[in-house]
Amino acid sequence: DTAIYYCNYRSIKGTYWGQGTQVTV
């Protein structure tokens, strides 16, 4: 599961991403 996790928002108006947060297991 170790990875950079990104938040994502999608609508008919567009798609946006967060800056990412590191998760290390």
mmCIF file of all heavy atoms, coordinates in Angstrom:
data_MODEL
# 
_entry.id   MODEL 
# 
loop_
_atom_site.group_PDB 
_atom_site.id 
_atom_site.type_symbol 
_atom_site.label_atom_id 
_atom_site.label_alt_id 
_atom_site.label_comp_id 
_atom_site.label_asym_id 
_atom_site.label_entity_id 
_atom_site.label_seq_id 
_atom_site.pdbx_PDB_ins_code 
_atom_site.Cartn_x 
_atom_site.Cartn_y 
_atom_site.Cartn_z 
_atom_site.occupancy 
_atom_site.B_iso_or_equiv 
_atom_site.pdbx_formal_charge 
_atom_site.auth_seq_id 
_atom_site.auth_comp_id 
_atom_site.auth_asym_id 
_atom_site.auth_atom_id 
_atom_site.pdbx_PDB_model_num 
ATOM 1   N N   . ASP A 1 1  ? 0.824   -1.206 0.000   1.00 0.00 ? 1  ASP A N   1 
ATOM 2   C CA  . ASP A 1 1  ? 0.000   0.000  0.000   1.00 0.00 ? 1  ASP A CA  1 
ATOM 3   C C   . ASP A 1 1  ? 0.863   1.262  0.000   1.00 0.00 ? 1  ASP A C   1 
ATOM 4   O O   . ASP A 1 1  ? 0.332   2.376  -0.118  1.00 0.00 ? 1  ASP A O   1 
ATOM 5   C CB  . ASP A 1 1  ? -0.922  0.031  1.223   1.00 0.00 ? 1  ASP A CB  1 
ATOM 6   C CG  . ASP A 1 1  ? -1.960  -1.071 1.199   1.00 0.00 ? 1  ASP A CG  1 
ATOM 7   O OD1 . ASP A 1 1  ? -2.520  -1.335 0.111   1.00 0.00 ? 1  ASP A OD1 1 
ATOM 8   O OD2 . ASP A 1 1  ? -2.222  -1.666 2.264   1.00 0.00 ? 1  ASP A OD2 1 
ATOM 9   N N   . THR A 1 2  ? 2.154   1.100  0.148   1.00 0.00 ? 2  THR A N   1 
ATOM 10  C CA  . THR A 1 2  ? 3.057   2.248  0.147   1.00 0.00 ? 2  THR A CA  1 
ATOM 11  C C   . THR A 1 2  ? 2.986   2.972  -1.183  1.00 0.00 ? 2  THR A C   1 
ATOM 12  O O   . THR A 1 2  ? 3.165   2.375  -2.241  1.00 0.00 ? 2  THR A O   1 
ATOM 13  C CB  . THR A 1 2  ? 4.498   1.788  0.416   1.00 0.00 ? 2  THR A CB  1 
ATOM 14  O OG1 . THR A 1 2  ? 4.580   1.249  1.738   1.00 0.00 ? 2  THR A OG1 1 
ATOM 15  C CG2 . THR A 1 2  ? 5.467   2.963  0.286   1.00 0.00 ? 2  THR A CG2 1 
ATOM 16  N N   . ALA A 1 3  ? 2.700   4.264  -1.116  1.00 0.00 ? 3  ALA A N   1 
ATOM 17  C CA  . ALA A 1 3  ? 2.539   5.078  -2.326  1.00 0.00 ? 3  ALA A CA  1 
ATOM 18  C C   . ALA A 1 3  ? 2.270   6.518  -1.926  1.00 0.00 ? 3  ALA A C   1 
ATOM 19  O O   . ALA A 1 3  ? 2.058   6.819  -0.745  1.00 0.00 ? 3  ALA A O   1 
ATOM 20  C CB  . ALA A 1 3  ? 1.384   4.557  -3.170  1.00 0.00 ? 3  ALA A CB  1 
ATOM 21  N N   . ILE A 1 4  ? 2.265   7.374  -2.914  1.00 0.00 ? 4  ILE A N   1 
ATOM 22  C CA  . ILE A 1 4  ? 1.729   8.718  -2.721  1.00 0.00 ? 4  ILE A CA  1 
ATOM 23  C C   . ILE A 1 4  ? 0.247   8.645  -3.057  1.00 0.00 ? 4  ILE A C   1 
ATOM 24  O O   . ILE A 1 4  ? -0.124  8.166  -4.128  1.00 0.00 ? 4  ILE A O   1 
ATOM 25  C CB  . ILE A 1 4  ? 2.435   9.755  -3.613  1.00 0.00 ? 4  ILE A CB  1 
ATOM 26  C CG1 . ILE A 1 4  ? 3.924   9.811  -3.276  1.00 0.00 ? 4  ILE A CG1 1 
ATOM 27  C CG2 . ILE A 1 4  ? 1.807   11.131 -3.432  1.00 0.00 ? 4  ILE A CG2 1 
ATOM 28  C CD1 . ILE A 1 4  ? 4.731   10.707 -4.188  1.00 0.00 ? 4  ILE A CD1 1 
ATOM 29  N N   . TYR A 1 5  ? -0.564  9.116  -2.140  1.00 0.00 ? 5  TYR A N   1 
ATOM 30  C CA  . TYR A 1 5  ? -2.007  9.087  -2.318  1.00 0.00 ? 5  TYR A CA  1 
ATOM 31  C C   . TYR A 1 5  ? -2.498  10.482 -2.715  1.00 0.00 ? 5  TYR A C   1 
ATOM 32  O O   . TYR A 1 5  ? -2.163  11.482 -2.055  1.00 0.00 ? 5  TYR A O   1 
ATOM 33  C CB  . TYR A 1 5  ? -2.686  8.628  -1.027  1.00 0.00 ? 5  TYR A CB  1 
ATOM 34  C CG  . TYR A 1 5  ? -2.565  7.146  -0.819  1.00 0.00 ? 5  TYR A CG  1 
ATOM 35  C CD1 . TYR A 1 5  ? -1.338  6.555  -0.519  1.00 0.00 ? 5  TYR A CD1 1 
ATOM 36  C CD2 . TYR A 1 5  ? -3.670  6.315  -0.937  1.00 0.00 ? 5  TYR A CD2 1 
ATOM 37  C CE1 . TYR A 1 5  ? -1.218  5.194  -0.354  1.00 0.00 ? 5  TYR A CE1 1 
ATOM 38  C CE2 . TYR A 1 5  ? -3.568  4.948  -0.762  1.00 0.00 ? 5  TYR A CE2 1 
ATOM 39  C CZ  . TYR A 1 5  ? -2.335  4.388  -0.475  1.00 0.00 ? 5  TYR A CZ  1 
ATOM 40  O OH  . TYR A 1 5  ? -2.223  3.031  -0.313  1.00 0.00 ? 5  TYR A OH  1 
ATOM 41  N N   . TYR A 1 6  ? -3.282  10.508 -3.773  1.00 0.00 ? 6  TYR A N   1 
ATOM 42  C CA  . TYR A 1 6  ? -3.779  11.767 -4.313  1.00 0.00 ? 6  TYR A CA  1 
ATOM 43  C C   . TYR A 1 6  ? -5.297  11.836 -4.205  1.00 0.00 ? 6  TYR A C   1 
ATOM 44  O O   . TYR A 1 6  ? -5.994  10.881 -4.556  1.00 0.00 ? 6  TYR A O   1 
ATOM 45  C CB  . TYR A 1 6  ? -3.405  11.909 -5.786  1.00 0.00 ? 6  TYR A CB  1 
ATOM 46  C CG  . TYR A 1 6  ? -1.928  12.000 -6.058  1.00 0.00 ? 6  TYR A CG  1 
ATOM 47  C CD1 . TYR A 1 6  ? -1.182  10.851 -6.309  1.00 0.00 ? 6  TYR A CD1 1 
ATOM 48  C CD2 . TYR A 1 6  ? -1.275  13.233 -6.077  1.00 0.00 ? 6  TYR A CD2 1 
ATOM 49  C CE1 . TYR A 1 6  ? 0.177   10.921 -6.565  1.00 0.00 ? 6  TYR A CE1 1 
ATOM 50  C CE2 . TYR A 1 6  ? 0.084   13.315 -6.338  1.00 0.00 ? 6  TYR A CE2 1 
ATOM 51  C CZ  . TYR A 1 6  ? 0.800   12.154 -6.577  1.00 0.00 ? 6  TYR A CZ  1 
ATOM 52  O OH  . TYR A 1 6  ? 2.147   12.228 -6.835  1.00 0.00 ? 6  TYR A OH  1 
ATOM 53  N N   . CYS A 1 7  ? -5.769  12.977 -3.761  1.00 0.00 ? 7  CYS A N   1 
ATOM 54  C CA  . CYS A 1 7  ? -7.199  13.240 -3.751  1.00 0.00 ? 7  CYS A CA  1 
ATOM 55  C C   . CYS A 1 7  ? -7.609  13.739 -5.136  1.00 0.00 ? 7  CYS A C   1 
ATOM 56  O O   . CYS A 1 7  ? -6.853  14.469 -5.799  1.00 0.00 ? 7  CYS A O   1 
ATOM 57  C CB  . CYS A 1 7  ? -7.501  14.298 -2.694  1.00 0.00 ? 7  CYS A CB  1 
ATOM 58  S SG  . CYS A 1 7  ? -9.237  14.744 -2.535  1.00 0.00 ? 7  CYS A SG  1 
ATOM 59  N N   . ASN A 1 8  ? -8.784  13.350 -5.566  1.00 0.00 ? 8  ASN A N   1 
ATOM 60  C CA  . ASN A 1 8  ? -9.264  13.722 -6.898  1.00 0.00 ? 8  ASN A CA  1 
ATOM 61  C C   . ASN A 1 8  ? -10.703 14.194 -6.818  1.00 0.00 ? 8  ASN A C   1 
ATOM 62  O O   . ASN A 1 8  ? -11.523 13.612 -6.089  1.00 0.00 ? 8  ASN A O   1 
ATOM 63  C CB  . ASN A 1 8  ? -9.150  12.509 -7.829  1.00 0.00 ? 8  ASN A CB  1 
ATOM 64  C CG  . ASN A 1 8  ? -9.785  12.746 -9.180  1.00 0.00 ? 8  ASN A CG  1 
ATOM 65  O OD1 . ASN A 1 8  ? -10.961 12.464 -9.387  1.00 0.00 ? 8  ASN A OD1 1 
ATOM 66  N ND2 . ASN A 1 8  ? -8.999  13.262 -10.111 1.00 0.00 ? 8  ASN A ND2 1 
ATOM 67  N N   . TYR A 1 9  ? -10.977 15.248 -7.566  1.00 0.00 ? 9  TYR A N   1 
ATOM 68  C CA  . TYR A 1 9  ? -12.341 15.784 -7.671  1.00 0.00 ? 9  TYR A CA  1 
ATOM 69  C C   . TYR A 1 9  ? -12.726 15.805 -9.148  1.00 0.00 ? 9  TYR A C   1 
ATOM 70  O O   . TYR A 1 9  ? -11.963 16.289 -9.988  1.00 0.00 ? 9  TYR A O   1 
ATOM 71  C CB  . TYR A 1 9  ? -12.379 17.203 -7.092  1.00 0.00 ? 9  TYR A CB  1 
ATOM 72  C CG  . TYR A 1 9  ? -13.614 18.006 -7.441  1.00 0.00 ? 9  TYR A CG  1 
ATOM 73  C CD1 . TYR A 1 9  ? -14.690 18.065 -6.557  1.00 0.00 ? 9  TYR A CD1 1 
ATOM 74  C CD2 . TYR A 1 9  ? -13.707 18.707 -8.639  1.00 0.00 ? 9  TYR A CD2 1 
ATOM 75  C CE1 . TYR A 1 9  ? -15.815 18.801 -6.874  1.00 0.00 ? 9  TYR A CE1 1 
ATOM 76  C CE2 . TYR A 1 9  ? -14.831 19.432 -8.956  1.00 0.00 ? 9  TYR A CE2 1 
ATOM 77  C CZ  . TYR A 1 9  ? -15.891 19.491 -8.080  1.00 0.00 ? 9  TYR A CZ  1 
ATOM 78  O OH  . TYR A 1 9  ? -17.012 20.213 -8.387  1.00 0.00 ? 9  TYR A OH  1 
ATOM 79  N N   . ARG A 1 10 ? -13.910 15.264 -9.461  1.00 0.00 ? 10 ARG A N   1 
ATOM 80  C CA  . ARG A 1 10 ? -14.390 15.270 -10.844 1.00 0.00 ? 10 ARG A CA  1 
ATOM 81  C C   . ARG A 1 10 ? -15.835 15.754 -10.893 1.00 0.00 ? 10 ARG A C   1 
ATOM 82  O O   . ARG A 1 10 ? -16.667 15.347 -10.082 1.00 0.00 ? 10 ARG A O   1 
ATOM 83  C CB  . ARG A 1 10 ? -14.328 13.874 -11.447 1.00 0.00 ? 10 ARG A CB  1 
ATOM 84  C CG  . ARG A 1 10 ? -12.951 13.389 -11.776 1.00 0.00 ? 10 ARG A CG  1 
ATOM 85  C CD  . ARG A 1 10 ? -12.989 12.058 -12.515 1.00 0.00 ? 10 ARG A CD  1 
ATOM 86  N NE  . ARG A 1 10 ? -13.434 10.952 -11.689 1.00 0.00 ? 10 ARG A NE  1 
ATOM 87  C CZ  . ARG A 1 10 ? -14.554 10.268 -11.884 1.00 0.00 ? 10 ARG A CZ  1 
ATOM 88  N NH1 . ARG A 1 10 ? -15.368 10.587 -12.862 1.00 0.00 ? 10 ARG A NH1 1 
ATOM 89  N NH2 . ARG A 1 10 ? -14.860 9.263  -11.092 1.00 0.00 ? 10 ARG A NH2 1 
ATOM 90  N N   . SER A 1 11 ? -16.137 16.612 -11.851 1.00 0.00 ? 11 SER A N   1 
ATOM 91  C CA  . SER A 1 11 ? -17.502 17.023 -12.144 1.00 0.00 ? 11 SER A CA  1 
ATOM 92  C C   . SER A 1 11 ? -17.549 17.407 -13.605 1.00 0.00 ? 11 SER A C   1 
ATOM 93  O O   . SER A 1 11 ? -16.523 17.359 -14.302 1.00 0.00 ? 11 SER A O   1 
ATOM 94  C CB  . SER A 1 11 ? -17.920 18.196 -11.253 1.00 0.00 ? 11 SER A CB  1 
ATOM 95  O OG  . SER A 1 11 ? -17.351 19.401 -11.716 1.00 0.00 ? 11 SER A OG  1 
ATOM 96  N N   . ILE A 1 12 ? -18.715 17.807 -14.077 1.00 0.00 ? 12 ILE A N   1 
ATOM 97  C CA  . ILE A 1 12 ? -18.817 18.221 -15.475 1.00 0.00 ? 12 ILE A CA  1 
ATOM 98  C C   . ILE A 1 12 ? -18.035 19.511 -15.716 1.00 0.00 ? 12 ILE A C   1 
ATOM 99  O O   . ILE A 1 12 ? -17.778 19.888 -16.859 1.00 0.00 ? 12 ILE A O   1 
ATOM 100 C CB  . ILE A 1 12 ? -20.278 18.414 -15.904 1.00 0.00 ? 12 ILE A CB  1 
ATOM 101 C CG1 . ILE A 1 12 ? -20.958 19.501 -15.066 1.00 0.00 ? 12 ILE A CG1 1 
ATOM 102 C CG2 . ILE A 1 12 ? -21.022 17.095 -15.831 1.00 0.00 ? 12 ILE A CG2 1 
ATOM 103 C CD1 . ILE A 1 12 ? -22.335 19.867 -15.593 1.00 0.00 ? 12 ILE A CD1 1 
ATOM 104 N N   . LYS A 1 13 ? -17.628 20.160 -14.634 1.00 0.00 ? 13 LYS A N   1 
ATOM 105 C CA  . LYS A 1 13 ? -16.876 21.407 -14.748 1.00 0.00 ? 13 LYS A CA  1 
ATOM 106 C C   . LYS A 1 13 ? -15.373 21.169 -14.866 1.00 0.00 ? 13 LYS A C   1 
ATOM 107 O O   . LYS A 1 13 ? -14.632 22.088 -15.226 1.00 0.00 ? 13 LYS A O   1 
ATOM 108 C CB  . LYS A 1 13 ? -17.147 22.290 -13.533 1.00 0.00 ? 13 LYS A CB  1 
ATOM 109 C CG  . LYS A 1 13 ? -18.607 22.685 -13.383 1.00 0.00 ? 13 LYS A CG  1 
ATOM 110 C CD  . LYS A 1 13 ? -19.067 23.607 -14.494 1.00 0.00 ? 13 LYS A CD  1 
ATOM 111 C CE  . LYS A 1 13 ? -20.471 24.133 -14.216 1.00 0.00 ? 13 LYS A CE  1 
ATOM 112 N NZ  . LYS A 1 13 ? -20.927 25.047 -15.286 1.00 0.00 ? 13 LYS A NZ  1 
ATOM 113 N N   . GLY A 1 14 ? -14.928 19.945 -14.551 1.00 0.00 ? 14 GLY A N   1 
ATOM 114 C CA  . GLY A 1 14 ? -13.506 19.675 -14.657 1.00 0.00 ? 14 GLY A CA  1 
ATOM 115 C C   . GLY A 1 14 ? -12.990 18.686 -13.642 1.00 0.00 ? 14 GLY A C   1 
ATOM 116 O O   . GLY A 1 14 ? -13.747 18.172 -12.807 1.00 0.00 ? 14 GLY A O   1 
ATOM 117 N N   . THR A 1 15 ? -11.706 18.390 -13.730 1.00 0.00 ? 15 THR A N   1 
ATOM 118 C CA  . THR A 1 15 ? -11.034 17.442 -12.845 1.00 0.00 ? 15 THR A CA  1 
ATOM 119 C C   . THR A 1 15 ? -9.869  18.135 -12.159 1.00 0.00 ? 15 THR A C   1 
ATOM 120 O O   . THR A 1 15 ? -9.104  18.853 -12.814 1.00 0.00 ? 15 THR A O   1 
ATOM 121 C CB  . THR A 1 15 ? -10.524 16.232 -13.641 1.00 0.00 ? 15 THR A CB  1 
ATOM 122 O OG1 . THR A 1 15 ? -11.642 15.573 -14.242 1.00 0.00 ? 15 THR A OG1 1 
ATOM 123 C CG2 . THR A 1 15 ? -9.789  15.252 -12.735 1.00 0.00 ? 15 THR A CG2 1 
ATOM 124 N N   . TYR A 1 16 ? -9.729  17.902 -10.863 1.00 0.00 ? 16 TYR A N   1 
ATOM 125 C CA  . TYR A 1 16 ? -8.664  18.523 -10.085 1.00 0.00 ? 16 TYR A CA  1 
ATOM 126 C C   . TYR A 1 16 ? -7.999  17.479 -9.197  1.00 0.00 ? 16 TYR A C   1 
ATOM 127 O O   . TYR A 1 16 ? -8.620  16.494 -8.802  1.00 0.00 ? 16 TYR A O   1 
ATOM 128 C CB  . TYR A 1 16 ? -9.228  19.664 -9.222  1.00 0.00 ? 16 TYR A CB  1 
ATOM 129 C CG  . TYR A 1 16 ? -9.849  20.767 -10.045 1.00 0.00 ? 16 TYR A CG  1 
ATOM 130 C CD1 . TYR A 1 16 ? -11.188 20.693 -10.431 1.00 0.00 ? 16 TYR A CD1 1 
ATOM 131 C CD2 . TYR A 1 16 ? -9.101  21.861 -10.445 1.00 0.00 ? 16 TYR A CD2 1 
ATOM 132 C CE1 . TYR A 1 16 ? -11.763 21.704 -11.201 1.00 0.00 ? 16 TYR A CE1 1 
ATOM 133 C CE2 . TYR A 1 16 ? -9.664  22.874 -11.211 1.00 0.00 ? 16 TYR A CE2 1 
ATOM 134 C CZ  . TYR A 1 16 ? -10.995 22.786 -11.584 1.00 0.00 ? 16 TYR A CZ  1 
ATOM 135 O OH  . TYR A 1 16 ? -11.554 23.777 -12.335 1.00 0.00 ? 16 TYR A OH  1 
ATOM 136 N N   . TRP A 1 17 ? -6.718  17.753 -8.889  1.00 0.00 ? 17 TRP A N   1 
ATOM 137 C CA  . TRP A 1 17 ? -5.933  16.846 -8.059  1.00 0.00 ? 17 TRP A CA  1 
ATOM 138 C C   . TRP A 1 17 ? -5.348  17.588 -6.868  1.00 0.00 ? 17 TRP A C   1 
ATOM 139 O O   . TRP A 1 17 ? -5.000  18.772 -6.960  1.00 0.00 ? 17 TRP A O   1 
ATOM 140 C CB  . TRP A 1 17 ? -4.775  16.264 -8.870  1.00 0.00 ? 17 TRP A CB  1 
ATOM 141 C CG  . TRP A 1 17 ? -5.200  15.365 -9.983  1.00 0.00 ? 17 TRP A CG  1 
ATOM 142 C CD1 . TRP A 1 17 ? -5.446  15.707 -11.275 1.00 0.00 ? 17 TRP A CD1 1 
ATOM 143 C CD2 . TRP A 1 17 ? -5.434  13.956 -9.892  1.00 0.00 ? 17 TRP A CD2 1 
ATOM 144 N NE1 . TRP A 1 17 ? -5.828  14.609 -11.988 1.00 0.00 ? 17 TRP A NE1 1 
ATOM 145 C CE2 . TRP A 1 17 ? -5.823  13.511 -11.168 1.00 0.00 ? 17 TRP A CE2 1 
ATOM 146 C CE3 . TRP A 1 17 ? -5.355  13.019 -8.852  1.00 0.00 ? 17 TRP A CE3 1 
ATOM 147 C CZ2 . TRP A 1 17 ? -6.125  12.178 -11.441 1.00 0.00 ? 17 TRP A CZ2 1 
ATOM 148 C CZ3 . TRP A 1 17 ? -5.650  11.695 -9.116  1.00 0.00 ? 17 TRP A CZ3 1 
ATOM 149 C CH2 . TRP A 1 17 ? -6.033  11.281 -10.402 1.00 0.00 ? 17 TRP A CH2 1 
ATOM 150 N N   . GLY A 1 18 ? -5.210  16.862 -5.778  1.00 0.00 ? 18 GLY A N   1 
ATOM 151 C CA  . GLY A 1 18 ? -4.476  17.378 -4.640  1.00 0.00 ? 18 GLY A CA  1 
ATOM 152 C C   . GLY A 1 18 ? -2.986  17.220 -4.863  1.00 0.00 ? 18 GLY A C   1 
ATOM 153 O O   . GLY A 1 18 ? -2.540  16.670 -5.871  1.00 0.00 ? 18 GLY A O   1 
ATOM 154 N N   . GLN A 1 19 ? -2.221  17.694 -3.894  1.00 0.00 ? 19 GLN A N   1 
ATOM 155 C CA  . GLN A 1 19 ? -0.761  17.687 -4.052  1.00 0.00 ? 19 GLN A CA  1 
ATOM 156 C C   . GLN A 1 19 ? -0.158  16.327 -3.706  1.00 0.00 ? 19 GLN A C   1 
ATOM 157 O O   . GLN A 1 19 ? 1.008   16.066 -4.023  1.00 0.00 ? 19 GLN A O   1 
ATOM 158 C CB  . GLN A 1 19 ? -0.119  18.771 -3.165  1.00 0.00 ? 19 GLN A CB  1 
ATOM 159 C CG  . GLN A 1 19 ? -0.005  18.427 -1.688  1.00 0.00 ? 19 GLN A CG  1 
ATOM 160 C CD  . GLN A 1 19 ? -1.303  18.535 -0.928  1.00 0.00 ? 19 GLN A CD  1 
ATOM 161 O OE1 . GLN A 1 19 ? -2.358  18.878 -1.480  1.00 0.00 ? 19 GLN A OE1 1 
ATOM 162 N NE2 . GLN A 1 19 ? -1.249  18.255 0.364   1.00 0.00 ? 19 GLN A NE2 1 
ATOM 163 N N   . GLY A 1 20 ? -0.942  15.478 -3.066  1.00 0.00 ? 20 GLY A N   1 
ATOM 164 C CA  . GLY A 1 20 ? -0.463  14.144 -2.720  1.00 0.00 ? 20 GLY A CA  1 
ATOM 165 C C   . GLY A 1 20 ? 0.059   14.076 -1.297  1.00 0.00 ? 20 GLY A C   1 
ATOM 166 O O   . GLY A 1 20 ? 0.615   15.034 -0.776  1.00 0.00 ? 20 GLY A O   1 
ATOM 167 N N   . THR A 1 21 ? -0.132  12.932 -0.685  1.00 0.00 ? 21 THR A N   1 
ATOM 168 C CA  . THR A 1 21 ? 0.382   12.689 0.659   1.00 0.00 ? 21 THR A CA  1 
ATOM 169 C C   . THR A 1 21 ? 1.012   11.298 0.697   1.00 0.00 ? 21 THR A C   1 
ATOM 170 O O   . THR A 1 21 ? 0.452   10.339 0.176   1.00 0.00 ? 21 THR A O   1 
ATOM 171 C CB  . THR A 1 21 ? -0.728  12.839 1.717   1.00 0.00 ? 21 THR A CB  1 
ATOM 172 O OG1 . THR A 1 21 ? -0.171  12.709 3.029   1.00 0.00 ? 21 THR A OG1 1 
ATOM 173 C CG2 . THR A 1 21 ? -1.835  11.817 1.545   1.00 0.00 ? 21 THR A CG2 1 
ATOM 174 N N   . GLN A 1 22 ? 2.178   11.212 1.292   1.00 0.00 ? 22 GLN A N   1 
ATOM 175 C CA  . GLN A 1 22 ? 2.921   9.961  1.298   1.00 0.00 ? 22 GLN A CA  1 
ATOM 176 C C   . GLN A 1 22 ? 2.390   9.017  2.373   1.00 0.00 ? 22 GLN A C   1 
ATOM 177 O O   . GLN A 1 22 ? 2.193   9.411  3.532   1.00 0.00 ? 22 GLN A O   1 
ATOM 178 C CB  . GLN A 1 22 ? 4.404   10.220 1.558   1.00 0.00 ? 22 GLN A CB  1 
ATOM 179 C CG  . GLN A 1 22 ? 5.268   8.976  1.644   1.00 0.00 ? 22 GLN A CG  1 
ATOM 180 C CD  . GLN A 1 22 ? 5.434   8.273  0.305   1.00 0.00 ? 22 GLN A CD  1 
ATOM 181 O OE1 . GLN A 1 22 ? 5.729   8.920  -0.707  1.00 0.00 ? 22 GLN A OE1 1 
ATOM 182 N NE2 . GLN A 1 22 ? 5.260   6.959  0.290   1.00 0.00 ? 22 GLN A NE2 1 
ATOM 183 N N   . VAL A 1 23 ? 2.172   7.787  1.985   1.00 0.00 ? 23 VAL A N   1 
ATOM 184 C CA  . VAL A 1 23 ? 1.831   6.712  2.915   1.00 0.00 ? 23 VAL A CA  1 
ATOM 185 C C   . VAL A 1 23 ? 2.906   5.646  2.788   1.00 0.00 ? 23 VAL A C   1 
ATOM 186 O O   . VAL A 1 23 ? 3.160   5.149  1.681   1.00 0.00 ? 23 VAL A O   1 
ATOM 187 C CB  . VAL A 1 23 ? 0.445   6.121  2.615   1.00 0.00 ? 23 VAL A CB  1 
ATOM 188 C CG1 . VAL A 1 23 ? 0.212   4.859  3.444   1.00 0.00 ? 23 VAL A CG1 1 
ATOM 189 C CG2 . VAL A 1 23 ? -0.643  7.146  2.892   1.00 0.00 ? 23 VAL A CG2 1 
ATOM 190 N N   . THR A 1 24 ? 3.542   5.328  3.889   1.00 0.00 ? 24 THR A N   1 
ATOM 191 C CA  . THR A 1 24 ? 4.583   4.323  3.905   1.00 0.00 ? 24 THR A CA  1 
ATOM 192 C C   . THR A 1 24 ? 4.232   3.257  4.925   1.00 0.00 ? 24 THR A C   1 
ATOM 193 O O   . THR A 1 24 ? 3.965   3.577  6.087   1.00 0.00 ? 24 THR A O   1 
ATOM 194 C CB  . THR A 1 24 ? 5.950   4.938  4.252   1.00 0.00 ? 24 THR A CB  1 
ATOM 195 O OG1 . THR A 1 24 ? 6.256   5.966  3.304   1.00 0.00 ? 24 THR A OG1 1 
ATOM 196 C CG2 . THR A 1 24 ? 7.042   3.874  4.220   1.00 0.00 ? 24 THR A CG2 1 
ATOM 197 N N   . VAL A 1 25 ? 4.207   2.009  4.475   1.00 0.00 ? 25 VAL A N   1 
ATOM 198 C CA  . VAL A 1 25 ? 3.863   0.898  5.357   1.00 0.00 ? 25 VAL A CA  1 
ATOM 199 C C   . VAL A 1 25 ? 5.089   0.001  5.482   1.00 0.00 ? 25 VAL A C   1 
ATOM 200 O O   . VAL A 1 25 ? 5.584   -0.528 4.485   1.00 0.00 ? 25 VAL A O   1 
ATOM 201 C CB  . VAL A 1 25 ? 2.675   0.100  4.820   1.00 0.00 ? 25 VAL A CB  1 
ATOM 202 C CG1 . VAL A 1 25 ? 2.285   -1.007 5.796   1.00 0.00 ? 25 VAL A CG1 1 
ATOM 203 C CG2 . VAL A 1 25 ? 1.484   1.022  4.561   1.00 0.00 ? 25 VAL A CG2 1 
# 
